[in-house]
Amino acid sequence: ALTKPGETLEAIEVGLADAGAVIYPYYPGKLPLGNFTYAVPFGPGDPDVILEATVKVFDDVPGLRQEVENYNLVFLMPSVIDTYNLTSKEPIVNFEDFDGIKIASIGSYHPRILESAGATAIAMPVGERYQALQTGVIEAEFLPWDISHAYKYHDFNKHITWVDMGAAMPVGLGINRDIWDSLPADLQQLMIDVADEAVDLNASLILERRNIAIDEWEELGITRHDMPDEERAKWANALEDIPGNWIGEMEDKGLPGKDVMIGYIEILEELGHTFPRQWAADYR
């Protein structure tokens, strides 16, 4: 790799890298709008739905694309990850089960979501969690299951819980604008077409990896739990209005937070998703 994950935007901007994957959660200051999917608790767990909604919001709100393109970059496509769930040493099924549990998470929003349920959220990169589970620094972790499976947290966590906090769009793929402008029009169009195809493939690969993880865990005797809807609703109602607060934060910066967030939530609802509570009610 030419750069560390949190340096990709700058590397593409100055031409150190021709193209790359910009991870939005690493840039809350430079790319605040692009983190919008993480600010919507209990969103759809289907990556196809997230992709469809995300692509439409990028089309409907020019400021989203412009935010990243301000850094000498042409935005090609979003990329999603699977819905967030738990793996843990002891069963976590009901809202009350979170009380005092040390759970590894990352980002600006997931720690607040976990702490609203009484957990102790510990900021920790995914690569450090295996040893932290081994030594008892943490008792659980919060990630898409395909990632948890890849890092073999099941060596210590013998319980998995389907929470379905929602899939997310953490990555935008882009190319240096100077490189882009040097390409002939037919090659530019080919890259756009391939990016559109890759969006569809992204979602199908995620579901495939999720199923591989679930099947292997079953073979290993890992115990699966599914959080009941009434417990998810209890959790949602214990939360601050994160989407509404996000809108306020973005609008205070002069950014189109309402257009992004309300547009996104309404698209998800039009696609059939039902939230356990109404988000951003003051803006609707």
Foldseek 3Di string as FASTA:
>chain_A
DQDDQLCVLLCQLVVVDFKDKNFALSCCPQQVLQQLQLLQWLFAQQLVLVQVLVVVLCVVFVLNQVSSVVSQKHWQGWFKAGFKWKFFLDDDAFLQSQAAFEEEDAGDRVCQLSVLSRHHYDHDDPQPVLVCLVVVVGGMYMDQLLSCLVNPSCVRGLEIEALRRDMGTRIIIIGRNVVLVPDDPVVNVVSNVVSVVVSVVSSVVNVVSSVVSVVVSVVVNRHYYYHDLVRSLVSVVSHDLSLLVSLVVQVVVVHRSLSSSVSSVVSSVVVPDDGSDDHNVVSD
